[in-house]
N, C-alpha and C. Protein backbone atom coordinates (compact mmCIF):
# COMPACT_ATOMS: atom_id res chain seq x y z
N MET A 1 25.37 14.54 6.87
CA MET A 1 24.14 14.18 7.55
C MET A 1 23.00 14.14 6.54
N LYS A 2 22.16 13.14 6.65
CA LYS A 2 21.01 12.99 5.78
C LYS A 2 19.95 14.03 6.12
N HIS A 3 19.29 14.56 5.10
CA HIS A 3 18.21 15.52 5.34
C HIS A 3 16.91 14.76 5.53
N LEU A 4 16.19 15.09 6.59
CA LEU A 4 14.93 14.45 6.88
C LEU A 4 13.79 15.20 6.22
N VAL A 5 12.67 14.50 6.01
CA VAL A 5 11.47 15.13 5.49
C VAL A 5 10.98 16.11 6.55
N PRO A 6 10.67 17.36 6.17
CA PRO A 6 10.21 18.31 7.18
C PRO A 6 8.89 17.85 7.80
N ILE A 7 8.77 18.07 9.10
CA ILE A 7 7.54 17.71 9.79
C ILE A 7 7.00 18.94 10.50
N ASN A 8 5.72 18.94 10.69
CA ASN A 8 5.04 19.98 11.47
C ASN A 8 4.57 19.32 12.75
N THR A 9 4.70 20.02 13.87
CA THR A 9 4.25 19.48 15.14
C THR A 9 3.24 20.45 15.73
N ASP A 10 2.09 19.91 16.19
CA ASP A 10 1.07 20.77 16.78
C ASP A 10 1.31 20.91 18.28
N LYS A 11 0.41 21.61 18.96
CA LYS A 11 0.56 21.87 20.40
C LYS A 11 0.50 20.60 21.25
N LYS A 12 -0.09 19.54 20.72
CA LYS A 12 -0.17 18.27 21.45
C LYS A 12 1.06 17.41 21.18
N ASN A 13 2.04 17.96 20.47
CA ASN A 13 3.26 17.26 20.11
C ASN A 13 3.00 16.07 19.18
N ILE A 14 2.01 16.24 18.30
CA ILE A 14 1.73 15.24 17.27
C ILE A 14 2.41 15.72 16.00
N SER A 15 3.24 14.87 15.42
CA SER A 15 3.97 15.21 14.20
C SER A 15 3.12 14.90 12.98
N TYR A 16 3.20 15.78 11.99
CA TYR A 16 2.46 15.61 10.74
C TYR A 16 3.41 15.76 9.57
N THR A 17 3.20 14.96 8.56
CA THR A 17 3.80 15.15 7.25
C THR A 17 2.63 15.21 6.30
N SER A 18 2.55 16.28 5.54
CA SER A 18 1.36 16.57 4.74
C SER A 18 0.22 16.67 5.74
N SER A 19 -0.87 15.96 5.53
CA SER A 19 -1.99 16.05 6.46
C SER A 19 -2.08 14.85 7.39
N ALA A 20 -1.11 13.95 7.30
CA ALA A 20 -1.18 12.70 8.07
C ALA A 20 -0.37 12.79 9.36
N PRO A 21 -0.99 12.38 10.49
CA PRO A 21 -0.19 12.27 11.71
C PRO A 21 0.82 11.13 11.53
N ILE A 22 2.06 11.39 11.85
CA ILE A 22 3.14 10.46 11.58
C ILE A 22 3.92 10.18 12.86
N ARG A 23 4.33 8.92 13.01
CA ARG A 23 5.26 8.54 14.07
C ARG A 23 6.47 7.98 13.36
N TYR A 24 7.59 8.67 13.47
CA TYR A 24 8.80 8.23 12.79
C TYR A 24 9.57 7.26 13.67
N VAL A 25 9.79 6.06 13.14
CA VAL A 25 10.54 5.04 13.86
C VAL A 25 11.46 4.34 12.86
N PRO A 26 12.52 3.71 13.34
CA PRO A 26 13.36 2.92 12.44
C PRO A 26 12.55 1.80 11.79
N ARG A 27 12.93 1.40 10.59
CA ARG A 27 12.22 0.38 9.82
C ARG A 27 12.00 -0.90 10.63
N ASP A 28 12.99 -1.32 11.39
CA ASP A 28 12.88 -2.56 12.15
C ASP A 28 11.78 -2.52 13.21
N TYR A 29 11.40 -1.33 13.68
CA TYR A 29 10.34 -1.23 14.68
C TYR A 29 8.99 -1.65 14.10
N PHE A 30 8.85 -1.60 12.78
CA PHE A 30 7.63 -2.08 12.15
C PHE A 30 7.82 -3.48 11.57
N THR A 31 8.95 -3.69 10.91
CA THR A 31 9.18 -4.96 10.22
C THR A 31 9.27 -6.14 11.18
N ASN A 32 10.02 -6.02 12.24
CA ASN A 32 10.19 -7.15 13.16
C ASN A 32 8.89 -7.60 13.82
N PRO A 33 8.04 -6.68 14.33
CA PRO A 33 6.74 -7.15 14.85
C PRO A 33 5.87 -7.79 13.77
N LYS A 34 5.88 -7.24 12.54
CA LYS A 34 5.12 -7.83 11.44
C LYS A 34 5.55 -9.28 11.23
N LEU A 35 6.85 -9.50 11.15
CA LEU A 35 7.38 -10.84 10.92
C LEU A 35 7.06 -11.79 12.07
N ALA A 36 7.15 -11.31 13.30
CA ALA A 36 6.87 -12.15 14.46
C ALA A 36 5.40 -12.57 14.49
N ILE A 37 4.51 -11.64 14.22
CA ILE A 37 3.08 -11.95 14.22
C ILE A 37 2.75 -12.90 13.08
N GLU A 38 3.31 -12.64 11.90
CA GLU A 38 3.07 -13.50 10.74
C GLU A 38 3.58 -14.92 11.02
N ASP A 39 4.75 -15.05 11.64
CA ASP A 39 5.27 -16.38 11.99
C ASP A 39 4.35 -17.08 12.99
N ALA A 40 3.80 -16.32 13.93
CA ALA A 40 2.96 -16.92 14.98
C ALA A 40 1.60 -17.37 14.46
N VAL A 41 0.97 -16.59 13.60
CA VAL A 41 -0.39 -16.92 13.16
C VAL A 41 -0.44 -17.52 11.76
N GLY A 42 0.65 -17.44 11.04
CA GLY A 42 0.69 -17.95 9.66
C GLY A 42 0.43 -16.85 8.65
N HIS A 43 1.01 -17.03 7.48
CA HIS A 43 0.95 -16.04 6.41
C HIS A 43 -0.49 -15.72 6.00
N ASP A 44 -1.30 -16.74 5.74
CA ASP A 44 -2.67 -16.52 5.26
C ASP A 44 -3.53 -15.82 6.30
N LYS A 45 -3.44 -16.24 7.55
CA LYS A 45 -4.23 -15.61 8.62
C LYS A 45 -3.79 -14.16 8.82
N TYR A 46 -2.50 -13.91 8.76
CA TYR A 46 -1.99 -12.55 8.91
C TYR A 46 -2.54 -11.66 7.80
N ASP A 47 -2.53 -12.16 6.56
CA ASP A 47 -3.09 -11.39 5.44
C ASP A 47 -4.55 -11.06 5.68
N GLU A 48 -5.29 -12.05 6.13
CA GLU A 48 -6.72 -11.86 6.38
C GLU A 48 -6.96 -10.80 7.46
N ILE A 49 -6.19 -10.88 8.54
CA ILE A 49 -6.35 -9.93 9.65
C ILE A 49 -6.03 -8.51 9.20
N LEU A 50 -4.93 -8.34 8.49
CA LEU A 50 -4.49 -6.99 8.15
C LEU A 50 -5.11 -6.39 6.90
N TYR A 51 -5.71 -7.21 6.05
CA TYR A 51 -6.21 -6.69 4.79
C TYR A 51 -7.18 -5.53 4.99
N HIS A 52 -8.19 -5.72 5.78
CA HIS A 52 -9.22 -4.70 5.94
C HIS A 52 -8.67 -3.43 6.60
N ALA A 53 -7.78 -3.59 7.56
CA ALA A 53 -7.18 -2.42 8.20
C ALA A 53 -6.32 -1.63 7.22
N GLY A 54 -5.51 -2.33 6.41
CA GLY A 54 -4.68 -1.65 5.42
C GLY A 54 -5.50 -0.97 4.35
N TYR A 55 -6.54 -1.66 3.88
CA TYR A 55 -7.44 -1.10 2.87
C TYR A 55 -8.08 0.20 3.40
N LYS A 56 -8.63 0.12 4.59
CA LYS A 56 -9.31 1.27 5.20
C LYS A 56 -8.33 2.42 5.42
N SER A 57 -7.12 2.11 5.87
CA SER A 57 -6.11 3.15 6.10
C SER A 57 -5.76 3.88 4.80
N ALA A 58 -5.55 3.14 3.73
CA ALA A 58 -5.21 3.76 2.44
C ALA A 58 -6.38 4.60 1.92
N TYR A 59 -7.58 4.08 2.03
CA TYR A 59 -8.77 4.78 1.56
C TYR A 59 -8.91 6.12 2.29
N HIS A 60 -8.79 6.07 3.61
CA HIS A 60 -8.92 7.31 4.40
C HIS A 60 -7.75 8.26 4.17
N TRP A 61 -6.55 7.73 3.99
CA TRP A 61 -5.41 8.59 3.69
C TRP A 61 -5.67 9.38 2.41
N CYS A 62 -6.16 8.70 1.39
CA CYS A 62 -6.47 9.36 0.12
C CYS A 62 -7.52 10.45 0.31
N GLU A 63 -8.52 10.16 1.09
CA GLU A 63 -9.58 11.14 1.36
C GLU A 63 -9.01 12.39 2.03
N LYS A 64 -8.24 12.20 3.08
CA LYS A 64 -7.65 13.34 3.81
C LYS A 64 -6.64 14.11 2.95
N GLU A 65 -5.83 13.39 2.22
CA GLU A 65 -4.81 14.03 1.40
C GLU A 65 -5.46 14.82 0.26
N ALA A 66 -6.53 14.31 -0.30
CA ALA A 66 -7.25 15.04 -1.35
C ALA A 66 -7.78 16.36 -0.81
N GLU A 67 -8.31 16.34 0.40
CA GLU A 67 -8.82 17.57 1.02
C GLU A 67 -7.71 18.59 1.26
N SER A 68 -6.55 18.13 1.71
CA SER A 68 -5.48 19.07 2.07
C SER A 68 -4.63 19.52 0.89
N THR A 69 -4.58 18.74 -0.18
CA THR A 69 -3.71 19.09 -1.30
C THR A 69 -4.46 19.60 -2.52
N GLN A 70 -5.77 19.45 -2.52
CA GLN A 70 -6.61 19.79 -3.67
C GLN A 70 -6.32 18.91 -4.89
N LEU A 71 -5.67 17.78 -4.69
CA LEU A 71 -5.48 16.81 -5.77
C LEU A 71 -6.77 16.02 -5.95
N ASN A 72 -6.96 15.46 -7.15
CA ASN A 72 -8.16 14.68 -7.43
C ASN A 72 -7.80 13.35 -8.05
N GLY A 73 -8.70 12.37 -7.90
CA GLY A 73 -8.63 11.10 -8.60
C GLY A 73 -7.28 10.42 -8.60
N ILE A 74 -6.83 10.11 -9.80
CA ILE A 74 -5.60 9.33 -9.97
C ILE A 74 -4.37 10.08 -9.46
N ALA A 75 -4.43 11.41 -9.47
CA ALA A 75 -3.31 12.19 -8.93
C ALA A 75 -3.09 11.89 -7.45
N VAL A 76 -4.16 11.60 -6.72
CA VAL A 76 -4.04 11.24 -5.29
C VAL A 76 -3.38 9.87 -5.17
N PHE A 77 -3.77 8.92 -6.02
CA PHE A 77 -3.16 7.59 -6.02
C PHE A 77 -1.66 7.69 -6.28
N GLU A 78 -1.28 8.46 -7.29
CA GLU A 78 0.14 8.63 -7.62
C GLU A 78 0.88 9.35 -6.49
N HIS A 79 0.23 10.32 -5.86
CA HIS A 79 0.81 11.02 -4.72
C HIS A 79 1.02 10.05 -3.55
N TYR A 80 0.08 9.13 -3.37
CA TYR A 80 0.18 8.11 -2.33
C TYR A 80 1.44 7.27 -2.53
N LEU A 81 1.65 6.81 -3.76
CA LEU A 81 2.84 6.01 -4.05
C LEU A 81 4.12 6.81 -3.80
N LYS A 82 4.11 8.07 -4.19
CA LYS A 82 5.27 8.94 -3.98
C LYS A 82 5.56 9.08 -2.48
N CYS A 83 4.51 9.29 -1.69
CA CYS A 83 4.70 9.43 -0.24
C CYS A 83 5.19 8.13 0.40
N LEU A 84 4.66 6.98 -0.04
CA LEU A 84 5.16 5.70 0.47
C LEU A 84 6.64 5.54 0.16
N SER A 85 7.03 5.95 -1.04
CA SER A 85 8.45 5.87 -1.44
C SER A 85 9.29 6.79 -0.57
N GLN A 86 8.84 8.01 -0.36
CA GLN A 86 9.59 8.97 0.44
C GLN A 86 9.72 8.54 1.90
N ARG A 87 8.77 7.76 2.37
CA ARG A 87 8.76 7.35 3.78
C ARG A 87 9.46 6.02 4.02
N GLY A 88 10.12 5.50 2.99
CA GLY A 88 11.00 4.36 3.19
C GLY A 88 10.41 2.98 3.03
N TRP A 89 9.21 2.84 2.49
CA TRP A 89 8.61 1.53 2.31
C TRP A 89 9.21 0.80 1.12
N GLY A 90 9.78 1.53 0.19
CA GLY A 90 10.35 1.00 -1.04
C GLY A 90 10.22 2.07 -2.11
N LYS A 91 10.56 1.74 -3.35
CA LYS A 91 10.39 2.69 -4.44
C LYS A 91 9.25 2.18 -5.32
N PHE A 92 8.13 2.89 -5.29
CA PHE A 92 6.92 2.50 -5.99
C PHE A 92 6.77 3.29 -7.28
N SER A 93 6.31 2.63 -8.32
CA SER A 93 6.01 3.34 -9.57
C SER A 93 4.81 2.69 -10.25
N VAL A 94 4.10 3.52 -11.01
CA VAL A 94 2.95 3.03 -11.76
C VAL A 94 3.44 2.49 -13.09
N VAL A 95 3.10 1.24 -13.38
CA VAL A 95 3.39 0.64 -14.68
C VAL A 95 2.23 1.01 -15.61
N SER A 96 1.01 0.80 -15.12
CA SER A 96 -0.19 1.19 -15.85
C SER A 96 -1.31 1.40 -14.85
N ILE A 97 -2.26 2.27 -15.23
CA ILE A 97 -3.38 2.53 -14.32
C ILE A 97 -4.56 3.09 -15.12
N ASP A 98 -5.76 2.64 -14.76
CA ASP A 98 -6.98 3.11 -15.42
C ASP A 98 -8.10 3.13 -14.39
N THR A 99 -8.47 4.33 -13.94
CA THR A 99 -9.51 4.43 -12.91
C THR A 99 -10.90 4.16 -13.47
N THR A 100 -11.05 4.16 -14.77
CA THR A 100 -12.35 3.83 -15.35
C THR A 100 -12.64 2.35 -15.21
N THR A 101 -11.62 1.53 -15.39
CA THR A 101 -11.81 0.07 -15.31
C THR A 101 -11.37 -0.51 -13.97
N GLY A 102 -10.55 0.20 -13.20
CA GLY A 102 -10.02 -0.33 -11.95
C GLY A 102 -8.80 -1.21 -12.13
N ASN A 103 -8.19 -1.16 -13.31
CA ASN A 103 -6.99 -1.96 -13.59
C ASN A 103 -5.73 -1.14 -13.33
N ALA A 104 -4.73 -1.81 -12.77
CA ALA A 104 -3.44 -1.14 -12.55
C ALA A 104 -2.36 -2.16 -12.32
N GLU A 105 -1.14 -1.76 -12.60
CA GLU A 105 0.05 -2.52 -12.21
C GLU A 105 0.98 -1.54 -11.52
N ILE A 106 1.46 -1.96 -10.37
CA ILE A 106 2.38 -1.15 -9.57
C ILE A 106 3.67 -1.94 -9.43
N LYS A 107 4.78 -1.27 -9.65
CA LYS A 107 6.09 -1.91 -9.50
C LYS A 107 6.74 -1.38 -8.21
N LEU A 108 7.36 -2.29 -7.50
CA LEU A 108 8.03 -1.95 -6.25
C LEU A 108 9.46 -2.47 -6.28
N HIS A 109 10.40 -1.55 -6.18
CA HIS A 109 11.82 -1.89 -5.99
C HIS A 109 12.19 -1.58 -4.54
N TYR A 110 13.13 -2.30 -4.01
CA TYR A 110 13.71 -2.04 -2.69
C TYR A 110 12.67 -2.08 -1.57
N SER A 111 11.82 -3.08 -1.59
CA SER A 111 10.82 -3.25 -0.54
C SER A 111 11.50 -3.30 0.82
N SER A 112 10.98 -2.55 1.77
CA SER A 112 11.56 -2.56 3.12
C SER A 112 11.44 -3.95 3.75
N PHE A 113 10.41 -4.72 3.37
CA PHE A 113 10.24 -6.06 3.92
C PHE A 113 11.23 -7.05 3.33
N VAL A 114 11.53 -6.92 2.05
CA VAL A 114 12.52 -7.80 1.41
C VAL A 114 13.91 -7.45 1.94
N LEU A 115 14.21 -6.16 2.06
CA LEU A 115 15.52 -5.74 2.56
C LEU A 115 15.76 -6.21 4.00
N ALA A 116 14.69 -6.36 4.77
CA ALA A 116 14.82 -6.78 6.17
C ALA A 116 15.13 -8.26 6.31
N GLN A 117 14.89 -9.05 5.27
CA GLN A 117 15.13 -10.50 5.35
C GLN A 117 15.62 -11.02 4.00
N PRO A 118 16.79 -10.57 3.57
CA PRO A 118 17.27 -10.83 2.21
C PRO A 118 17.49 -12.28 1.83
N ARG A 119 17.70 -13.15 2.75
CA ARG A 119 17.99 -14.55 2.41
C ARG A 119 16.80 -15.48 2.60
N LYS A 120 15.69 -14.95 3.06
CA LYS A 120 14.52 -15.77 3.33
C LYS A 120 13.63 -15.83 2.08
N PRO A 121 13.25 -17.03 1.63
CA PRO A 121 12.37 -17.12 0.45
C PRO A 121 10.93 -16.79 0.82
N GLY A 122 10.17 -16.32 -0.15
CA GLY A 122 8.75 -16.07 0.06
C GLY A 122 8.33 -14.70 -0.43
N LYS A 123 7.05 -14.44 -0.33
CA LYS A 123 6.49 -13.15 -0.72
C LYS A 123 6.26 -12.33 0.54
N PHE A 124 6.95 -11.23 0.65
CA PHE A 124 6.92 -10.45 1.89
C PHE A 124 6.11 -9.17 1.79
N CYS A 125 5.77 -8.76 0.60
CA CYS A 125 5.19 -7.44 0.38
C CYS A 125 3.68 -7.46 0.38
N ASN A 126 3.09 -8.55 0.89
CA ASN A 126 1.65 -8.72 0.87
C ASN A 126 0.88 -7.59 1.54
N LEU A 127 1.46 -6.94 2.52
CA LEU A 127 0.80 -5.84 3.21
C LEU A 127 0.43 -4.72 2.25
N PHE A 128 1.27 -4.47 1.25
CA PHE A 128 1.01 -3.38 0.31
C PHE A 128 -0.23 -3.62 -0.55
N ALA A 129 -0.59 -4.88 -0.79
CA ALA A 129 -1.72 -5.19 -1.67
C ALA A 129 -2.99 -4.50 -1.21
N SER A 130 -3.29 -4.55 0.06
CA SER A 130 -4.52 -3.91 0.55
C SER A 130 -4.44 -2.39 0.45
N TRP A 131 -3.24 -1.85 0.61
CA TRP A 131 -3.08 -0.40 0.48
C TRP A 131 -3.41 0.04 -0.94
N PHE A 132 -2.91 -0.72 -1.92
CA PHE A 132 -3.14 -0.35 -3.32
C PHE A 132 -4.61 -0.49 -3.69
N ALA A 133 -5.25 -1.54 -3.19
CA ALA A 133 -6.68 -1.72 -3.47
C ALA A 133 -7.50 -0.61 -2.84
N GLY A 134 -7.20 -0.22 -1.61
CA GLY A 134 -7.92 0.87 -0.96
C GLY A 134 -7.75 2.19 -1.69
N ALA A 135 -6.52 2.48 -2.11
CA ALA A 135 -6.25 3.72 -2.85
C ALA A 135 -6.92 3.69 -4.23
N MET A 136 -6.88 2.55 -4.90
CA MET A 136 -7.52 2.43 -6.21
C MET A 136 -9.03 2.58 -6.09
N ASP A 137 -9.63 1.94 -5.10
CA ASP A 137 -11.07 2.06 -4.93
C ASP A 137 -11.46 3.50 -4.64
N TRP A 138 -10.67 4.21 -3.84
CA TRP A 138 -10.95 5.61 -3.58
C TRP A 138 -10.94 6.40 -4.90
N ALA A 139 -9.90 6.18 -5.73
CA ALA A 139 -9.78 6.92 -6.99
C ALA A 139 -10.91 6.59 -7.96
N THR A 140 -11.28 5.32 -8.07
CA THR A 140 -12.36 4.95 -9.01
C THR A 140 -13.71 5.49 -8.53
N GLN A 141 -13.92 5.48 -7.23
CA GLN A 141 -15.19 5.99 -6.70
C GLN A 141 -15.31 7.49 -6.90
N ARG A 142 -14.21 8.20 -6.93
CA ARG A 142 -14.25 9.64 -7.19
C ARG A 142 -14.66 9.94 -8.63
N LYS A 143 -14.51 8.94 -9.50
CA LYS A 143 -14.96 9.09 -10.89
C LYS A 143 -16.40 8.61 -11.05
N GLY A 144 -17.05 8.25 -9.94
CA GLY A 144 -18.44 7.83 -9.98
C GLY A 144 -18.66 6.36 -10.24
N HIS A 145 -17.60 5.55 -10.19
CA HIS A 145 -17.74 4.11 -10.42
C HIS A 145 -17.87 3.39 -9.09
N SER A 146 -18.59 2.28 -9.09
CA SER A 146 -18.65 1.47 -7.87
C SER A 146 -17.87 0.18 -8.08
N ILE A 147 -16.61 0.36 -8.40
CA ILE A 147 -15.70 -0.76 -8.63
C ILE A 147 -15.03 -1.13 -7.31
N ARG A 148 -14.90 -2.41 -7.08
CA ARG A 148 -14.09 -2.91 -5.96
C ARG A 148 -12.98 -3.72 -6.59
N THR A 149 -11.75 -3.42 -6.30
CA THR A 149 -10.64 -4.10 -6.95
C THR A 149 -10.40 -5.48 -6.37
N ASN A 150 -9.78 -6.32 -7.19
CA ASN A 150 -9.53 -7.72 -6.86
C ASN A 150 -8.23 -8.15 -7.54
N CYS A 151 -7.72 -9.31 -7.16
CA CYS A 151 -6.50 -9.81 -7.78
C CYS A 151 -6.77 -10.51 -9.10
N GLU A 152 -5.74 -10.63 -9.93
CA GLU A 152 -5.92 -11.26 -11.23
C GLU A 152 -5.43 -12.69 -11.28
N SER A 153 -4.61 -13.10 -10.33
CA SER A 153 -3.97 -14.40 -10.49
C SER A 153 -4.40 -15.37 -9.40
N VAL A 154 -4.24 -16.65 -9.65
CA VAL A 154 -4.59 -17.67 -8.66
C VAL A 154 -3.56 -17.76 -7.55
N ASP A 155 -2.45 -17.12 -7.71
CA ASP A 155 -1.42 -17.12 -6.69
C ASP A 155 -1.56 -15.98 -5.70
N CYS A 156 -2.74 -15.52 -5.46
CA CYS A 156 -2.94 -14.33 -4.62
C CYS A 156 -2.39 -14.55 -3.21
N THR A 157 -1.68 -13.57 -2.70
CA THR A 157 -1.24 -13.64 -1.31
C THR A 157 -2.27 -12.97 -0.42
N THR A 158 -3.20 -12.23 -1.01
CA THR A 158 -4.33 -11.68 -0.25
C THR A 158 -5.57 -11.87 -1.09
N ASN A 159 -6.70 -11.48 -0.58
CA ASN A 159 -7.95 -11.71 -1.29
C ASN A 159 -8.23 -10.74 -2.42
N TYR A 160 -7.61 -9.60 -2.47
CA TYR A 160 -8.04 -8.58 -3.40
C TYR A 160 -6.99 -8.07 -4.37
N CYS A 161 -5.73 -8.23 -4.08
CA CYS A 161 -4.68 -7.74 -4.96
C CYS A 161 -3.48 -8.64 -4.76
N SER A 162 -2.82 -9.03 -5.85
CA SER A 162 -1.74 -10.00 -5.68
C SER A 162 -0.40 -9.45 -6.12
N GLU A 163 0.63 -10.06 -5.59
CA GLU A 163 1.96 -9.84 -6.11
C GLU A 163 2.16 -10.92 -7.15
N SER A 164 2.15 -10.56 -8.43
CA SER A 164 2.34 -11.59 -9.44
C SER A 164 3.82 -11.91 -9.63
N GLU A 165 4.68 -11.00 -9.21
CA GLU A 165 6.12 -11.27 -9.15
C GLU A 165 6.62 -10.62 -7.88
N CYS A 166 7.57 -11.21 -7.22
CA CYS A 166 8.03 -10.61 -5.97
C CYS A 166 9.54 -10.76 -5.79
N ALA A 167 10.12 -9.76 -5.18
CA ALA A 167 11.56 -9.78 -4.91
C ALA A 167 11.93 -10.91 -3.97
N GLY A 168 10.99 -11.41 -3.19
CA GLY A 168 11.25 -12.53 -2.30
C GLY A 168 11.45 -13.82 -3.06
N SER A 169 10.97 -13.90 -4.32
CA SER A 169 11.24 -15.09 -5.12
C SER A 169 12.54 -14.82 -5.87
N SER A 170 12.57 -14.78 -7.19
CA SER A 170 13.86 -14.57 -7.85
C SER A 170 13.92 -13.23 -8.58
N GLN A 171 13.00 -12.35 -8.33
CA GLN A 171 12.97 -11.06 -9.02
C GLN A 171 13.66 -9.98 -8.19
N SER A 172 14.02 -8.90 -8.85
CA SER A 172 14.60 -7.77 -8.12
C SER A 172 13.55 -6.71 -7.83
N TYR A 173 12.30 -7.04 -8.06
CA TYR A 173 11.20 -6.12 -7.81
C TYR A 173 9.92 -6.92 -7.63
N CYS A 174 8.89 -6.25 -7.16
CA CYS A 174 7.57 -6.86 -7.05
C CYS A 174 6.64 -6.15 -8.03
N ILE A 175 5.72 -6.89 -8.62
CA ILE A 175 4.66 -6.31 -9.45
C ILE A 175 3.33 -6.64 -8.79
N PHE A 176 2.56 -5.63 -8.52
CA PHE A 176 1.22 -5.80 -7.96
C PHE A 176 0.22 -5.55 -9.09
N THR A 177 -0.69 -6.50 -9.28
CA THR A 177 -1.68 -6.38 -10.33
C THR A 177 -3.05 -6.19 -9.70
N ILE A 178 -3.68 -5.07 -10.02
CA ILE A 178 -4.99 -4.74 -9.46
C ILE A 178 -6.02 -4.83 -10.58
N LYS A 179 -7.12 -5.52 -10.32
CA LYS A 179 -8.21 -5.66 -11.29
C LYS A 179 -9.53 -5.54 -10.56
N PRO A 180 -10.58 -5.20 -11.29
CA PRO A 180 -11.89 -5.11 -10.64
C PRO A 180 -12.44 -6.50 -10.31
N SER A 181 -13.25 -6.57 -9.28
CA SER A 181 -13.92 -7.82 -8.94
C SER A 181 -15.39 -7.68 -9.28
N ALA A 182 -16.13 -8.74 -9.13
CA ALA A 182 -17.56 -8.71 -9.38
C ALA A 182 -18.32 -8.16 -8.19
N VAL A 183 -17.62 -7.93 -7.06
CA VAL A 183 -18.25 -7.47 -5.84
C VAL A 183 -18.47 -5.97 -5.92
N GLU A 184 -19.67 -5.51 -5.59
CA GLU A 184 -19.95 -4.07 -5.55
C GLU A 184 -19.16 -3.44 -4.41
N SER A 185 -18.74 -2.21 -4.62
CA SER A 185 -17.99 -1.49 -3.59
C SER A 185 -18.90 -1.16 -2.40
N LYS A 186 -18.33 -1.25 -1.22
CA LYS A 186 -19.05 -0.88 0.00
C LYS A 186 -18.43 0.38 0.55
N PRO A 187 -19.19 1.23 1.22
CA PRO A 187 -18.60 2.42 1.83
C PRO A 187 -17.59 2.02 2.89
N VAL A 188 -16.53 2.79 3.00
CA VAL A 188 -15.49 2.51 3.98
C VAL A 188 -15.75 3.35 5.23
C-alpha cells in the first residue's frame, strides 16, 4: 500500500497539509474539467481567465506558508515547488533563480496534464506559468523589489511566464522561463 502524505483535520472536518486547506481528489477530477473548459472557450481565453486566479493563489500560498514554516524569500519558492511535486502535479526543479533580478528557469518532468493526454499535441502546462510568476513575485517583493515577472519568448502561452519547451511538443520535460517585465508590481 502506498503511504499518503499525513494530513491534519480540524473540528470542521477541513483537511490541511502544512498550512493549506487541502481537498484530496484523483488527478482526473481536476484535469478533465480543465480540458473540457479549455476546449469550450479556447486555449488563449482559458489562459486569460485562469492567469490571475493562479497568480493570486500562489502568492497567497507563499505568504501563508512563510508564516507557518518560518521560511523566507527564495526558500519559500523552493518549498512551493517541492510541495507541488509531492502533491502530484509533476516533478519540479529549479534550473536557475535570482530574486534580485526576477529571473528563473523551472524544469518540470512528469506533468500531470501531459500524462493525462499523452498522444495529444500542444502545450498543456500553461496553468503552472501563473503559479510560478505569483511565487516569484512574492519572493522578490520580500527582498524589497517591486518586480513583476513576465515571459521571455514570443511563444508565450500566457501573458507573464512561458513554457519555452514543453513535454506536449517533442520534449520529455517542460522549461518555464520567468523574467521581469517593465510593469510595476501591484499588491495582490
